[in-house]
Amino acid sequence: MKQLMSIPLFCMTVCGWADMYDDCRAIARAEVVSDPAFRIDRSGGDRGQDSFFYNATARLANRNSLLLTIYKRPDERGAGAVWNGIIPNLQTDQPNVAFSGLPLGAAVRQNVGIRGGCSIHAIDGLFVVKAHVSYSGSRPPEGGNSDDKIMCEGVARRSLARCRGLQAQPAQNINVNGTEVGSVTGPRGDRLVDLVRYCEALGLELTTNQRLGTASFTQGGEQVIIPLAALKIKDGPRWIETTDISLIKSGKWYVSYAGLEATR
């Protein structure tokens, strides 16, 4: 009897990871062509029972290419092993921030100049993402092409936010200023709210930079900046730490409710 009962549980676990692999494959393929100038070139990956990686590459007129790799491991220790294997090969002058100077994931490294391009690696929870723009023709200017750096950072932010969003669970709506606002529970247990609806409920004018992966609004005379896939919210000169990163689920941006409330 025990043997028979274990079969559905095993199938449920394997099917769950298979679904996540398919979801991450779709994320990677979509993100490398999020810039309309790029076209998908090739993609592929490898998966085990509870671990996988997926690569997707897009090219622009044979001049430069964008490579995105998504790793998923069964636990944070496994993801940390992947991260530690990457970091020794990536030299960086500005550790722990992305090109914009804003945080990304639990840790991030960025660099300009690797094979004439730019790179960002980020980790959060079970996931590690690598985004790299490389050149096969003319070299970018010293310090890198700012447009490519924005694109590279945006791809990394959205990819990590969407991957972590796969783990977020539906939660009860939260009442904000008399308005019901949708929410989810993040992978680490933080309550996250629909950012657009939250701002609408408070009459805040929300501005988003979809390409870079940031959002902002002004409240009480201070500008609040929300970097997607970051564990912090910037409120004027101060930083508010959150338990879970700002993530994307079903196309919506979800942000720490406690973090947003701390800006008021």
Protein backbone atom coordinates (compact mmCIF):
# COMPACT_ATOMS: atom_id res chain seq x y z
CA MET A 1 0.00 0.00 0.00
CA LYS A 2 2.79 2.39 0.87
CA GLN A 3 4.44 1.66 -2.46
CA LEU A 4 1.26 2.45 -4.38
CA MET A 5 0.68 5.69 -2.48
CA SER A 6 4.22 6.88 -3.16
CA ILE A 7 3.80 6.76 -6.94
CA PRO A 8 1.37 9.72 -7.27
CA LEU A 9 3.53 11.78 -4.90
CA PHE A 10 6.63 11.05 -6.98
CA CYS A 11 4.77 11.92 -10.19
CA MET A 12 3.49 15.14 -8.67
CA THR A 13 7.04 16.19 -7.71
CA VAL A 14 8.57 15.33 -11.08
CA CYS A 15 5.71 16.91 -13.01
CA GLY A 16 6.03 20.05 -10.90
CA TRP A 17 9.72 20.43 -11.74
CA ALA A 18 8.99 19.61 -15.39
CA ASP A 19 6.42 22.41 -15.48
CA MET A 20 8.92 24.81 -13.92
CA TYR A 21 11.53 23.85 -16.51
CA ASP A 22 9.05 24.53 -19.30
CA ASP A 23 8.09 27.85 -17.69
CA CYS A 24 11.75 28.91 -17.36
CA ARG A 25 12.41 27.86 -20.95
CA ALA A 26 9.56 30.13 -22.05
CA ILE A 27 10.94 32.96 -19.88
CA ALA A 28 14.44 32.65 -21.34
CA ARG A 29 13.23 32.52 -24.94
CA ALA A 30 10.93 35.51 -24.43
CA GLU A 31 13.50 37.66 -22.63
CA VAL A 32 16.31 37.32 -25.20
CA VAL A 33 13.97 38.81 -27.80
CA SER A 34 12.42 41.41 -25.48
CA ASP A 35 14.42 43.98 -27.44
CA PRO A 36 12.75 44.10 -30.89
CA ALA A 37 16.13 44.32 -32.65
CA PHE A 38 17.04 40.77 -31.59
CA ARG A 39 15.94 37.49 -33.10
CA ILE A 40 16.14 34.08 -31.46
CA ASP A 41 19.21 32.21 -32.63
CA ARG A 42 19.37 29.01 -30.63
CA SER A 43 18.32 27.61 -27.27
CA GLY A 44 18.57 24.46 -25.23
CA GLY A 45 19.09 23.10 -21.76
CA ASP A 46 19.32 20.12 -19.50
CA ARG A 47 17.14 19.01 -16.62
CA GLY A 48 17.24 16.46 -13.85
CA GLN A 49 14.63 15.53 -11.29
CA ASP A 50 14.88 18.81 -9.37
CA SER A 51 17.63 20.81 -11.11
CA PHE A 52 18.05 22.32 -14.55
CA PHE A 53 19.61 25.04 -16.65
CA TYR A 54 18.48 26.65 -19.87
CA ASN A 55 20.36 28.79 -22.41
CA ALA A 56 18.81 31.10 -25.00
CA THR A 57 20.72 33.25 -27.48
CA ALA A 58 19.50 36.02 -29.80
CA ARG A 59 21.46 37.92 -32.46
CA LEU A 60 21.35 41.29 -34.17
CA ALA A 61 22.64 41.41 -37.77
CA ASN A 62 25.60 39.18 -36.85
CA ARG A 63 27.14 42.10 -34.93
CA ASN A 64 26.29 41.34 -31.35
CA SER A 65 24.43 38.68 -29.42
CA LEU A 66 22.58 38.29 -26.14
CA LEU A 67 22.98 35.11 -24.10
CA LEU A 68 20.70 34.38 -21.16
CA THR A 69 21.20 31.37 -18.88
CA ILE A 70 18.80 30.38 -16.11
CA TYR A 71 19.88 27.85 -13.46
CA LYS A 72 17.51 26.27 -10.97
CA ARG A 73 18.66 24.10 -8.07
CA PRO A 74 16.67 22.16 -5.43
CA ASP A 75 17.77 24.44 -2.58
CA GLU A 76 19.66 27.65 -1.89
CA ARG A 77 22.84 25.74 -1.06
CA GLY A 78 22.82 24.21 -4.54
CA ALA A 79 22.20 27.59 -6.13
CA GLY A 80 25.05 28.98 -4.05
CA ALA A 81 27.38 26.34 -5.45
CA VAL A 82 26.49 27.46 -8.98
CA TRP A 83 27.04 31.09 -7.96
CA ASN A 84 30.43 30.36 -6.39
CA GLY A 85 31.49 28.55 -9.54
CA ILE A 86 30.68 31.61 -11.65
CA ILE A 87 32.07 34.42 -9.52
CA PRO A 88 35.81 33.58 -9.68
CA ASN A 89 35.66 34.10 -13.46
CA LEU A 90 33.90 37.45 -13.28
CA GLN A 91 35.93 40.51 -12.34
CA THR A 92 33.91 43.55 -11.30
CA ASP A 93 34.65 47.06 -10.08
CA GLN A 94 31.19 47.57 -8.53
CA PRO A 95 30.14 44.48 -6.56
CA ASN A 96 26.56 44.01 -5.31
CA VAL A 97 24.94 46.52 -7.68
CA ALA A 98 23.86 46.33 -11.29
CA PHE A 99 24.89 48.81 -14.02
CA SER A 100 22.23 51.28 -12.85
CA GLY A 101 23.73 51.33 -9.35
CA LEU A 102 20.60 49.61 -8.00
CA PRO A 103 20.57 46.23 -6.18
CA LEU A 104 19.48 43.02 -7.89
CA GLY A 105 18.59 39.71 -6.23
CA ALA A 106 20.35 38.54 -3.07
CA ALA A 107 23.67 39.24 -4.81
CA VAL A 108 24.79 40.55 -8.20
CA ARG A 109 28.01 41.03 -10.16
CA GLN A 110 28.37 43.10 -13.33
CA ASN A 111 31.24 43.80 -15.67
CA VAL A 112 32.11 45.51 -18.95
CA GLY A 113 34.80 44.25 -21.27
CA ILE A 114 34.38 40.48 -21.20
CA ARG A 115 34.87 39.48 -24.85
CA GLY A 116 34.06 43.05 -25.79
CA GLY A 117 30.64 43.03 -24.16
CA CYS A 118 28.92 43.37 -20.79
CA SER A 119 27.65 40.83 -18.26
CA ILE A 120 25.36 40.59 -15.25
CA HIS A 121 25.04 37.57 -12.96
CA ALA A 122 22.43 37.52 -10.19
CA ILE A 123 21.20 35.01 -7.61
CA ASP A 124 18.11 34.73 -5.44
CA GLY A 125 16.79 31.64 -3.72
CA LEU A 126 16.92 28.60 -6.01
CA PHE A 127 17.76 30.59 -9.14
CA VAL A 128 20.87 32.03 -10.76
CA VAL A 129 20.61 34.08 -13.96
CA LYS A 130 23.39 35.17 -16.32
CA ALA A 131 22.87 37.79 -19.03
CA HIS A 132 25.70 38.62 -21.42
CA VAL A 133 25.95 40.89 -24.47
CA SER A 134 28.91 40.13 -26.73
CA TYR A 135 30.23 41.66 -29.96
CA SER A 136 31.47 39.84 -33.01
CA GLY A 137 32.18 42.99 -35.03
CA SER A 138 32.99 46.52 -33.96
CA ARG A 139 33.97 47.02 -30.32
CA PRO A 140 31.81 49.15 -27.99
CA PRO A 141 33.22 52.39 -26.62
CA GLU A 142 35.40 52.29 -23.51
CA GLY A 143 33.16 51.72 -20.50
CA GLY A 144 30.62 49.89 -22.63
CA ASN A 145 27.54 50.84 -24.58
CA SER A 146 25.00 52.33 -22.14
CA ASP A 147 22.06 51.08 -24.20
CA ASP A 148 23.37 47.51 -24.11
CA LYS A 149 23.97 47.73 -20.36
CA ILE A 150 20.37 48.83 -19.79
CA MET A 151 19.13 45.97 -21.95
CA CYS A 152 21.37 43.44 -20.19
CA GLU A 153 20.26 44.58 -16.74
CA GLY A 154 16.60 44.61 -17.70
CA VAL A 155 16.78 41.07 -19.04
CA ALA A 156 18.42 39.86 -15.84
CA ARG A 157 15.89 41.67 -13.62
CA ARG A 158 12.81 40.46 -15.45
CA SER A 159 14.12 36.90 -15.78
CA LEU A 160 14.90 36.56 -12.08
CA ALA A 161 11.62 38.25 -11.09
CA ARG A 162 9.60 35.95 -13.36
CA CYS A 163 11.42 32.80 -12.17
CA ARG A 164 10.82 33.66 -8.51
CA GLY A 165 7.24 34.51 -9.41
CA LEU A 166 6.73 30.84 -10.33
CA GLN A 167 7.13 30.04 -6.63
CA ALA A 168 4.79 32.74 -5.31
CA GLN A 169 1.45 31.53 -3.98
CA PRO A 170 -1.95 33.27 -4.19
CA ALA A 171 -3.04 35.06 -1.01
CA GLN A 172 -6.07 37.00 0.21
CA ASN A 173 -6.58 40.52 -1.06
CA ILE A 174 -5.37 43.37 1.13
CA ASN A 175 -7.53 46.41 1.85
CA VAL A 176 -5.63 49.57 0.97
CA ASN A 177 -7.46 52.84 1.55
CA GLY A 178 -10.80 51.09 1.07
CA THR A 179 -9.71 49.28 -2.13
CA GLU A 180 -9.15 45.55 -2.47
CA VAL A 181 -5.61 44.94 -3.77
CA GLY A 182 -4.45 41.54 -4.98
CA SER A 183 -1.58 39.86 -3.18
CA VAL A 184 0.66 36.79 -3.19
CA THR A 185 2.96 35.16 -0.69
CA GLY A 186 6.57 35.27 -1.86
CA PRO A 187 8.97 32.29 -1.77
CA ARG A 188 10.39 33.47 1.57
CA GLY A 189 6.98 34.23 3.07
CA ASP A 190 6.69 38.00 2.53
CA ARG A 191 3.26 39.37 1.56
CA LEU A 192 3.56 41.05 -1.82
CA VAL A 193 0.91 43.29 -3.39
CA ASP A 194 -0.02 44.22 -6.94
CA LEU A 195 2.01 47.42 -7.37
CA VAL A 196 -0.28 49.03 -9.94
CA ARG A 197 -3.43 48.49 -7.86
CA TYR A 198 -1.66 49.60 -4.68
CA CYS A 199 -0.67 52.91 -6.26
CA GLU A 200 -4.15 53.39 -7.72
CA ALA A 201 -5.67 52.86 -4.27
CA LEU A 202 -3.48 55.61 -2.81
CA GLY A 203 -3.78 57.97 -5.77
CA LEU A 204 -0.07 57.69 -6.57
CA GLU A 205 1.21 58.25 -10.10
CA LEU A 206 3.31 55.22 -10.94
CA THR A 207 6.05 55.45 -13.57
CA THR A 208 7.66 52.30 -14.90
CA ASN A 209 10.78 51.70 -16.95
CA GLN A 210 9.94 48.31 -18.43
CA ARG A 211 13.22 48.00 -20.31
CA LEU A 212 15.40 48.51 -17.24
CA GLY A 213 12.97 46.92 -14.80
CA THR A 214 12.27 49.74 -12.33
CA ALA A 215 9.22 51.60 -11.06
CA SER A 216 8.85 54.83 -9.12
CA PHE A 217 6.38 57.24 -7.59
CA THR A 218 6.57 60.39 -5.47
CA GLN A 219 5.08 60.39 -1.99
CA GLY A 220 5.47 62.93 0.77
CA GLY A 221 7.96 64.88 -1.28
CA GLU A 222 10.27 61.87 -1.68
CA GLN A 223 10.81 59.73 -4.76
CA VAL A 224 10.29 56.03 -4.11
CA ILE A 225 12.23 53.74 -6.48
CA ILE A 226 11.40 50.05 -6.73
CA PRO A 227 14.04 47.99 -8.57
CA LEU A 228 12.45 44.81 -9.90
CA ALA A 229 13.98 41.60 -8.47
CA ALA A 230 15.64 43.47 -5.59
CA LEU A 231 15.43 42.98 -1.83
CA LYS A 232 15.30 46.74 -1.23
CA ILE A 233 13.09 49.76 -1.94
CA LYS A 234 14.66 53.21 -2.13
CA ASP A 235 12.69 55.92 -0.30
CA GLY A 236 14.47 59.21 -0.90
CA PRO A 237 17.94 58.83 0.65
CA ARG A 238 17.13 55.71 2.69
CA TRP A 239 16.83 52.04 1.77
CA ILE A 240 14.05 49.79 3.05
CA GLU A 241 14.94 46.09 3.17
CA THR A 242 12.40 43.41 2.24
CA THR A 243 12.22 39.67 2.79
CA ASP A 244 11.33 38.74 -0.80
CA ILE A 245 12.38 40.38 -4.04
CA SER A 246 9.86 42.31 -6.09
CA LEU A 247 8.65 39.73 -8.58
CA ILE A 248 6.43 39.17 -11.60
CA LYS A 249 3.51 36.76 -11.57
CA SER A 250 0.95 36.47 -14.36
CA GLY A 251 2.40 39.63 -15.89
CA LYS A 252 1.89 41.76 -12.76
CA TRP A 253 4.58 43.32 -10.56
CA TYR A 254 4.26 42.31 -6.92
CA VAL A 255 6.14 44.25 -4.24
CA SER A 256 6.56 43.81 -0.48
CA TYR A 257 3.50 45.26 1.27
CA ALA A 258 5.51 45.96 4.43
CA GLY A 259 8.19 47.67 2.36
CA LEU A 260 5.69 49.89 0.57
CA GLU A 261 3.90 50.75 3.81
CA ALA A 262 7.24 51.76 5.35
CA THR A 263 7.54 54.52 2.72
CA ARG A 264 4.31 56.23 3.94
